[in-house]
C-alpha atoms as a PDB file:
ATOM      1  CA  MET A   1      24.771  -0.783  -8.175  1.00  0.00           C
ATOM      2  CA  ARG A   2      23.879   2.830  -7.577  1.00  0.00           C
ATOM      3  CA  ILE A   3      20.430   4.140  -6.686  1.00  0.00           C
ATOM      4  CA  GLY A   4      19.510   5.163 -10.255  1.00  0.00           C
ATOM      5  CA  GLU A   5      20.210   1.679 -11.565  1.00  0.00           C
ATOM      6  CA  LEU A   6      18.221   0.042  -8.798  1.00  0.00           C
ATOM      7  CA  ALA A   7      15.340   2.388  -9.513  1.00  0.00           C
ATOM      8  CA  ALA A   8      15.435   1.503 -13.215  1.00  0.00           C
ATOM      9  CA  ARG A   9      15.724  -2.260 -12.629  1.00  0.00           C
ATOM     10  CA  ALA A  10      12.967  -2.330 -10.019  1.00  0.00           C
ATOM     11  CA  GLY A  11      10.685   0.081 -11.865  1.00  0.00           C
ATOM     12  CA  VAL A  12      10.382   2.643  -9.097  1.00  0.00           C
ATOM     13  CA  SER A  13      11.499   6.191  -8.592  1.00  0.00           C
ATOM     14  CA  VAL A  14      14.737   7.197  -6.871  1.00  0.00           C
ATOM     15  CA  ARG A  15      12.547   9.124  -4.429  1.00  0.00           C
ATOM     16  CA  SER A  16      10.715   5.908  -3.503  1.00  0.00           C
ATOM     17  CA  LEU A  17      14.003   4.147  -2.780  1.00  0.00           C
ATOM     18  CA  ARG A  18      15.109   6.972  -0.532  1.00  0.00           C
ATOM     19  CA  TYR A  19      11.765   6.777   1.290  1.00  0.00           C
ATOM     20  CA  TYR A  20      12.106   2.987   1.701  1.00  0.00           C
ATOM     21  CA  GLU A  21      15.491   3.539   3.228  1.00  0.00           C
ATOM     22  CA  GLU A  22      14.144   6.245   5.606  1.00  0.00           C
ATOM     23  CA  GLN A  23      11.424   3.794   6.697  1.00  0.00           C
ATOM     24  CA  GLY A  24      13.911   0.952   7.277  1.00  0.00           C
ATOM     25  CA  LEU A  25      12.540  -1.158   4.441  1.00  0.00           C
ATOM     26  CA  LEU A  26      15.781  -1.080   2.438  1.00  0.00           C
ATOM     27  CA  THR A  27      19.405  -0.634   3.365  1.00  0.00           C
ATOM     28  CA  SER A  28      22.451   0.394   1.380  1.00  0.00           C
ATOM     29  CA  THR A  29      26.108   0.722   1.869  1.00  0.00           C
ATOM     30  CA  ARG A  30      27.735   4.102   1.308  1.00  0.00           C
ATOM     31  CA  SER A  31      30.797   4.921  -0.690  1.00  0.00           C
ATOM     32  CA  ALA A  32      33.469   7.293   0.678  1.00  0.00           C
ATOM     33  CA  SER A  33      31.677  10.084  -1.182  1.00  0.00           C
ATOM     34  CA  GLY A  34      28.341   9.125   0.405  1.00  0.00           C
ATOM     35  CA  GLN A  35      26.742   7.508  -2.651  1.00  0.00           C
ATOM     36  CA  ARG A  36      24.310   4.681  -1.954  1.00  0.00           C
ATOM     37  CA  HIS A  37      25.184   1.216  -3.282  1.00  0.00           C
ATOM     38  CA  TYR A  38      22.850  -1.748  -3.516  1.00  0.00           C
ATOM     39  CA  THR A  39      23.100  -5.416  -4.406  1.00  0.00           C
ATOM     40  CA  ASP A  40      21.222  -7.495  -6.952  1.00  0.00           C
ATOM     41  CA  ASP A  41      19.132  -8.901  -4.068  1.00  0.00           C
ATOM     42  CA  ASP A  42      17.774  -5.406  -3.420  1.00  0.00           C
ATOM     43  CA  VAL A  43      15.876  -5.531  -6.723  1.00  0.00           C
ATOM     44  CA  GLU A  44      13.866  -8.432  -5.294  1.00  0.00           C
ATOM     45  CA  ARG A  45      13.380  -6.632  -2.003  1.00  0.00           C
ATOM     46  CA  VAL A  46      12.053  -3.489  -3.702  1.00  0.00           C
ATOM     47  CA  THR A  47       9.706  -5.679  -5.765  1.00  0.00           C
ATOM     48  CA  LEU A  48       8.435  -7.307  -2.563  1.00  0.00           C
ATOM     49  CA  VAL A  49       7.974  -3.924  -0.885  1.00  0.00           C
ATOM     50  CA  GLN A  50       6.007  -2.727  -3.925  1.00  0.00           C
ATOM     51  CA  ARG A  51       3.794  -5.828  -3.807  1.00  0.00           C
ATOM     52  CA  LEU A  52       3.116  -5.273  -0.127  1.00  0.00           C
ATOM     53  CA  TYR A  53       2.237  -1.614  -0.760  1.00  0.00           C
ATOM     54  CA  ALA A  54      -0.080  -2.766  -3.574  1.00  0.00           C
ATOM     55  CA  ALA A  55      -1.765  -5.085  -1.065  1.00  0.00           C
ATOM     56  CA  GLY A  56      -2.728  -2.027   0.981  1.00  0.00           C
ATOM     57  CA  LEU A  57      -0.079  -2.286   3.678  1.00  0.00           C
ATOM     58  CA  SER A  58       1.588   0.749   5.245  1.00  0.00           C
ATOM     59  CA  SER A  59       5.321   1.182   5.537  1.00  0.00           C
ATOM     60  CA  ARG A  60       5.050   0.519   9.274  1.00  0.00           C
ATOM     61  CA  THR A  61       3.272  -2.786   8.667  1.00  0.00           C
ATOM     62  CA  ILE A  62       5.735  -3.755   5.916  1.00  0.00           C
ATOM     63  CA  ALA A  63       8.596  -3.111   8.381  1.00  0.00           C
ATOM     64  CA  GLU A  64       6.884  -5.484  10.812  1.00  0.00           C
ATOM     65  CA  LEU A  65       6.728  -8.182   8.124  1.00  0.00           C
ATOM     66  CA  LEU A  66      10.301  -7.950   6.894  1.00  0.00           C
ATOM     67  CA  PRO A  67      11.863 -10.056   9.707  1.00  0.00           C
ATOM     68  CA  CYS A  68      10.152 -13.001   8.058  1.00  0.00           C
ATOM     69  CA  VAL A  69      12.236 -12.258   4.971  1.00  0.00           C
ATOM     70  CA  ASP A  70      15.446 -11.225   6.711  1.00  0.00           C
ATOM     71  CA  ALA A  71      15.528 -13.998   9.324  1.00  0.00           C
ATOM     72  CA  PRO A  72      13.213 -16.758   8.170  1.00  0.00           C
ATOM     73  CA  SER A  73      11.857 -18.875  10.993  1.00  0.00           C
ATOM     74  CA  GLU A  74       8.597 -20.473  11.985  1.00  0.00           C
ATOM     75  CA  ASP A  75       8.059 -17.797  14.675  1.00  0.00           C
ATOM     76  CA  ASN A  76       8.722 -14.936  12.250  1.00  0.00           C
ATOM     77  CA  SER A  77       6.462 -16.616   9.658  1.00  0.00           C
ATOM     78  CA  ASP A  78       3.670 -17.007  12.243  1.00  0.00           C
ATOM     79  CA  ALA A  79       4.055 -13.374  13.304  1.00  0.00           C
ATOM     80  CA  ALA A  80       3.919 -12.199   9.682  1.00  0.00           C
ATOM     81  CA  LEU A  81       0.847 -14.282   8.912  1.00  0.00           C
ATOM     82  CA  GLU A  82      -0.893 -12.987  12.048  1.00  0.00           C
ATOM     83  CA  ARG A  83      -0.053  -9.384  11.114  1.00  0.00           C
ATOM     84  CA  MET A  84      -1.307  -9.876   7.550  1.00  0.00           C
ATOM     85  CA  ALA A  85      -4.532 -11.386   8.896  1.00  0.00           C
ATOM     86  CA  GLU A  86      -5.011  -8.287  11.073  1.00  0.00           C
ATOM     87  CA  GLU A  87      -4.543  -6.094   8.009  1.00  0.00           C
ATOM     88  CA  HIS A  88      -6.965  -8.264   6.022  1.00  0.00           C
ATOM     89  CA  ASP A  89      -9.577  -7.793   8.750  1.00  0.00           C
ATOM     90  CA  ARG A  90      -8.943  -4.037   8.819  1.00  0.00           C
ATOM     91  CA  LEU A  91      -9.366  -3.796   5.074  1.00  0.00           C
ATOM     92  CA  SER A  92     -12.487  -5.914   5.134  1.00  0.00           C
ATOM     93  CA  HIS A  93     -14.008  -3.628   7.777  1.00  0.00           C
ATOM     94  CA  HIS A  94     -13.091  -0.592   5.706  1.00  0.00           C
ATOM     95  CA  ILE A  95     -14.693  -2.156   2.648  1.00  0.00           C
ATOM     96  CA  ASP A  96     -17.873  -2.815   4.617  1.00  0.00           C
ATOM     97  CA  GLU A  97     -17.911   0.845   5.701  1.00  0.00           C
ATOM     98  CA  LEU A  98     -17.442   1.994   2.106  1.00  0.00           C
ATOM     99  CA  ILE A  99     -20.249  -0.219   0.919  1.00  0.00           C
ATOM    100  CA  HIS A 100     -22.512   1.233   3.596  1.00  0.00           C
ATOM    101  CA  THR A 101     -21.528   4.743   2.556  1.00  0.00           C
ATOM    102  CA  ARG A 102     -22.097   3.962  -1.129  1.00  0.00           C
ATOM    103  CA  ASP A 103     -25.545   2.543  -0.342  1.00  0.00           C
ATOM    104  CA  ALA A 104     -26.436   5.677   1.640  1.00  0.00           C
ATOM    105  CA  LEU A 105     -25.363   7.808  -1.291  1.00  0.00           C
ATOM    106  CA  GLU A 106     -27.505   5.719  -3.656  1.00  0.00           C
ATOM    107  CA  ARG A 107     -30.514   6.374  -1.416  1.00  0.00           C
ATOM    108  CA  VAL A 108     -29.798  10.121  -1.402  1.00  0.00           C
ATOM    109  CA  MET A 109     -29.452  10.070  -5.175  1.00  0.00           C
ATOM    110  CA  ALA A 110     -32.783   8.202  -5.520  1.00  0.00           C
ATOM    111  CA  THR A 111     -34.463  10.860  -3.366  1.00  0.00           C
ATOM    112  CA  ALA A 112     -32.884  13.613  -5.481  1.00  0.00           C
ATOM    113  CA  ARG A 113     -34.069  11.966  -8.698  1.00  0.00           C
ATOM    114  CA  ALA A 114     -37.613  11.620  -7.334  1.00  0.00           C
ATOM    115  CA  TYR A 115     -37.572  15.268  -6.294  1.00  0.00           C
ATOM    116  CA  ARG A 116     -36.329  16.272  -9.740  1.00  0.00           C
ATOM    117  CA  GLU A 117     -39.214  14.353 -11.312  1.00  0.00           C
ATOM    118  CA  THR A 118     -41.646  16.177  -9.036  1.00  0.00           C
ATOM    119  CA  LEU A 119     -40.179  19.491 -10.237  1.00  0.00           C
ATOM    120  CA  ARG A 120     -40.572  18.420 -13.868  1.00  0.00           C
ATOM    121  CA  ALA A 121     -44.175  17.347 -13.295  1.00  0.00           C
ATOM    122  CA  THR A 122     -44.986  20.626 -11.577  1.00  0.00           C
ATOM    123  CA  ALA A 123     -43.367  22.639 -14.371  1.00  0.00           C
ATOM    124  CA  ALA A 124     -45.263  20.706 -17.034  1.00  0.00           C
ATOM    125  CA  ARG A 125     -48.706  21.713 -15.604  1.00  0.00           C
END
């Protein structure tokens, strides 16, 4: 199938597919005129890549995980699980930082509200 059909079947843009190919996440064969051609299996691969992106993984990390798909083995599976655990830890740390930042903002907002009330009380006198 050509790139437009793969995009339609996988529910992604043609631009995304070109990007996936640039990043080594997807491969195609080329016709004599240079058109990309894909197989039915590529629909599943694009769906997997989309799921991995939705899980917060970068294209570099996804590329590190794909050997588990392309050459299944216990070693590749262990490496993929370890890499995903590292990403999980990174995301958890980032979430903790965001919570801390949100809490700091809430404190600043409380101070601003209290100050606003002081201004109202002063103006009412």
